Amino acid sequence: SADILFITATPIPRTLEQILYGNMDRITLKDKPACRLPVKTSIVKVGMIDDLCKRLKNMISREHKIYWICPYIEGSEDNDVASVEERFEFLKNMFGNNIVGVS
């Protein structure tokens, strides 16, 4: 049998269902890795994205890693929040295919 490790910061309903019905075990990581580097988290207003992208280009040129978190995978007509799909296309056009990926 294969061993699979799912990592999530929030309890996703499907994951909770699998834990409850015995298909998965839950493991809580209580300590951060010893070699962990500091992380800077920022929230940027939509109107500032172009300025942010200029800063990101500079950071990418210095081989920094950047993670962009989106609350939705697919777009919705009910809200104007960018989805992973929309943001991926935007960032791919901004930085190129070789730089941007989705996890």
C-alpha atoms as a PDB file:
ATOM      1  CA  SER A   1       0.000   0.000   0.000  1.00  0.00           C
ATOM      2  CA  ALA A   2       1.118   3.559  -0.694  1.00  0.00           C
ATOM      3  CA  ASP A   3       1.783   6.115   2.005  1.00  0.00           C
ATOM      4  CA  ILE A   4       0.402   9.572   1.292  1.00  0.00           C
ATOM      5  CA  LEU A   5       0.815  12.701   3.392  1.00  0.00           C
ATOM      6  CA  PHE A   6      -1.774  15.471   2.945  1.00  0.00           C
ATOM      7  CA  ILE A   7      -0.872  18.766   4.558  1.00  0.00           C
ATOM      8  CA  THR A   8      -3.450  21.452   5.265  1.00  0.00           C
ATOM      9  CA  ALA A   9      -3.672  24.470   7.521  1.00  0.00           C
ATOM     10  CA  THR A  10      -7.434  24.188   7.733  1.00  0.00           C
ATOM     11  CA  PRO A  11      -9.672  21.165   8.228  1.00  0.00           C
ATOM     12  CA  ILE A  12     -11.160  20.558   4.796  1.00  0.00           C
ATOM     13  CA  PRO A  13     -14.553  18.768   5.019  1.00  0.00           C
ATOM     14  CA  ARG A  14     -13.465  15.842   2.825  1.00  0.00           C
ATOM     15  CA  THR A  15     -10.338  15.332   4.930  1.00  0.00           C
ATOM     16  CA  LEU A  16     -12.413  15.428   8.114  1.00  0.00           C
ATOM     17  CA  GLU A  17     -14.781  12.842   6.633  1.00  0.00           C
ATOM     18  CA  GLN A  18     -11.870  10.532   5.784  1.00  0.00           C
ATOM     19  CA  ILE A  19     -10.498  10.872   9.316  1.00  0.00           C
ATOM     20  CA  LEU A  20     -13.900  10.217  10.895  1.00  0.00           C
ATOM     21  CA  TYR A  21     -14.606   7.114   8.819  1.00  0.00           C
ATOM     22  CA  GLY A  22     -11.168   5.562   9.237  1.00  0.00           C
ATOM     23  CA  ASN A  23      -9.578   6.087   5.833  1.00  0.00           C
ATOM     24  CA  MET A  24      -6.915   8.419   7.201  1.00  0.00           C
ATOM     25  CA  ASP A  25      -5.113   9.230  10.416  1.00  0.00           C
ATOM     26  CA  ARG A  26      -4.561  12.791  11.601  1.00  0.00           C
ATOM     27  CA  ILE A  27      -1.125  13.949  12.683  1.00  0.00           C
ATOM     28  CA  THR A  28      -0.548  17.321  14.334  1.00  0.00           C
ATOM     29  CA  LEU A  29       2.813  18.990  13.777  1.00  0.00           C
ATOM     30  CA  LYS A  30       3.559  20.928  16.957  1.00  0.00           C
ATOM     31  CA  ASP A  31       7.045  22.223  16.191  1.00  0.00           C
ATOM     32  CA  LYS A  32       8.461  24.130  13.243  1.00  0.00           C
ATOM     33  CA  PRO A  33      11.407  22.615  11.350  1.00  0.00           C
ATOM     34  CA  ALA A  34      14.748  23.549  12.920  1.00  0.00           C
ATOM     35  CA  CYS A  35      16.176  25.028   9.690  1.00  0.00           C
ATOM     36  CA  ARG A  36      13.067  27.079   8.903  1.00  0.00           C
ATOM     37  CA  LEU A  37      13.775  30.566   7.590  1.00  0.00           C
ATOM     38  CA  PRO A  38      11.602  33.534   8.612  1.00  0.00           C
ATOM     39  CA  VAL A  39       8.534  34.100   6.431  1.00  0.00           C
ATOM     40  CA  LYS A  40       7.125  37.528   5.646  1.00  0.00           C
ATOM     41  CA  THR A  41       3.387  37.546   4.948  1.00  0.00           C
ATOM     42  CA  SER A  42       1.765  40.560   3.290  1.00  0.00           C
ATOM     43  CA  ILE A  43      -1.746  41.527   2.273  1.00  0.00           C
ATOM     44  CA  VAL A  44      -1.875  43.910  -0.666  1.00  0.00           C
ATOM     45  CA  LYS A  45      -4.836  45.899  -1.989  1.00  0.00           C
ATOM     46  CA  VAL A  46      -5.858  45.039  -5.552  1.00  0.00           C
ATOM     47  CA  GLY A  47      -4.900  48.525  -6.731  1.00  0.00           C
ATOM     48  CA  MET A  48      -1.294  47.902  -5.614  1.00  0.00           C
ATOM     49  CA  ILE A  49      -0.730  44.638  -7.517  1.00  0.00           C
ATOM     50  CA  ASP A  50       1.335  46.273 -10.287  1.00  0.00           C
ATOM     51  CA  ASP A  51       3.686  47.819  -7.697  1.00  0.00           C
ATOM     52  CA  LEU A  52       3.861  44.486  -5.895  1.00  0.00           C
ATOM     53  CA  CYS A  53       4.763  42.668  -9.119  1.00  0.00           C
ATOM     54  CA  LYS A  54       7.704  45.044  -9.639  1.00  0.00           C
ATOM     55  CA  ARG A  55       8.988  44.103  -6.175  1.00  0.00           C
ATOM     56  CA  LEU A  56       8.378  40.413  -6.878  1.00  0.00           C
ATOM     57  CA  LYS A  57      10.403  40.590 -10.115  1.00  0.00           C
ATOM     58  CA  ASN A  58      13.294  41.967  -8.088  1.00  0.00           C
ATOM     59  CA  MET A  59      12.950  39.214  -5.487  1.00  0.00           C
ATOM     60  CA  ILE A  60      12.724  36.510  -8.169  1.00  0.00           C
ATOM     61  CA  SER A  61      15.915  37.853  -9.769  1.00  0.00           C
ATOM     62  CA  ARG A  62      17.602  37.296  -6.375  1.00  0.00           C
ATOM     63  CA  GLU A  63      16.231  33.700  -6.322  1.00  0.00           C
ATOM     64  CA  HIS A  64      13.701  34.287  -3.525  1.00  0.00           C
ATOM     65  CA  LYS A  65      10.651  32.036  -3.398  1.00  0.00           C
ATOM     66  CA  ILE A  66       7.190  33.562  -3.413  1.00  0.00           C
ATOM     67  CA  TYR A  67       3.871  31.912  -2.598  1.00  0.00           C
ATOM     68  CA  TRP A  68       0.616  33.589  -3.614  1.00  0.00           C
ATOM     69  CA  ILE A  69      -2.396  32.300  -1.699  1.00  0.00           C
ATOM     70  CA  CYS A  70      -5.888  32.475  -3.230  1.00  0.00           C
ATOM     71  CA  PRO A  71      -9.113  31.693  -1.355  1.00  0.00           C
ATOM     72  CA  TYR A  72     -10.826  30.048  -4.354  1.00  0.00           C
ATOM     73  CA  ILE A  73      -9.671  27.498  -6.917  1.00  0.00           C
ATOM     74  CA  GLU A  74     -12.253  28.444  -9.544  1.00  0.00           C
ATOM     75  CA  GLY A  75     -13.853  31.806 -10.231  1.00  0.00           C
ATOM     76  CA  SER A  76     -17.365  32.654  -9.106  1.00  0.00           C
ATOM     77  CA  GLU A  77     -19.906  35.204 -10.262  1.00  0.00           C
ATOM     78  CA  ASP A  78     -20.920  35.714  -6.622  1.00  0.00           C
ATOM     79  CA  ASN A  79     -17.732  37.587  -5.697  1.00  0.00           C
ATOM     80  CA  ASP A  80     -14.910  39.534  -7.290  1.00  0.00           C
ATOM     81  CA  VAL A  81     -12.057  37.711  -5.544  1.00  0.00           C
ATOM     82  CA  ALA A  82      -9.454  36.318  -7.956  1.00  0.00           C
ATOM     83  CA  SER A  83      -9.355  32.530  -8.083  1.00  0.00           C
ATOM     84  CA  VAL A  84      -6.248  30.360  -8.407  1.00  0.00           C
ATOM     85  CA  GLU A  85      -7.018  29.912 -12.112  1.00  0.00           C
ATOM     86  CA  GLU A  86      -7.338  33.669 -12.722  1.00  0.00           C
ATOM     87  CA  ARG A  87      -4.305  34.604 -10.637  1.00  0.00           C
ATOM     88  CA  PHE A  88      -2.195  31.875 -12.276  1.00  0.00           C
ATOM     89  CA  GLU A  89      -2.923  33.309 -15.738  1.00  0.00           C
ATOM     90  CA  PHE A  90      -2.116  36.833 -14.524  1.00  0.00           C
ATOM     91  CA  LEU A  91       1.178  35.788 -12.902  1.00  0.00           C
ATOM     92  CA  LYS A  92       2.150  33.562 -15.842  1.00  0.00           C
ATOM     93  CA  ASN A  93       1.703  36.534 -18.188  1.00  0.00           C
ATOM     94  CA  MET A  94       3.653  38.757 -15.787  1.00  0.00           C
ATOM     95  CA  PHE A  95       6.608  36.440 -15.016  1.00  0.00           C
ATOM     96  CA  GLY A  96       6.517  33.666 -17.630  1.00  0.00           C
ATOM     97  CA  ASN A  97       5.727  29.941 -17.703  1.00  0.00           C
ATOM     98  CA  ASN A  98       9.082  28.864 -16.265  1.00  0.00           C
ATOM     99  CA  ILE A  99       8.636  30.886 -13.079  1.00  0.00           C
ATOM    100  CA  VAL A 100       4.977  30.366 -12.099  1.00  0.00           C
ATOM    101  CA  GLY A 101       3.345  27.124 -10.997  1.00  0.00           C
ATOM    102  CA  VAL A 102       0.266  25.935  -9.121  1.00  0.00           C
ATOM    103  CA  SER A 103       0.395  23.573  -6.143  1.00  0.00           C
END
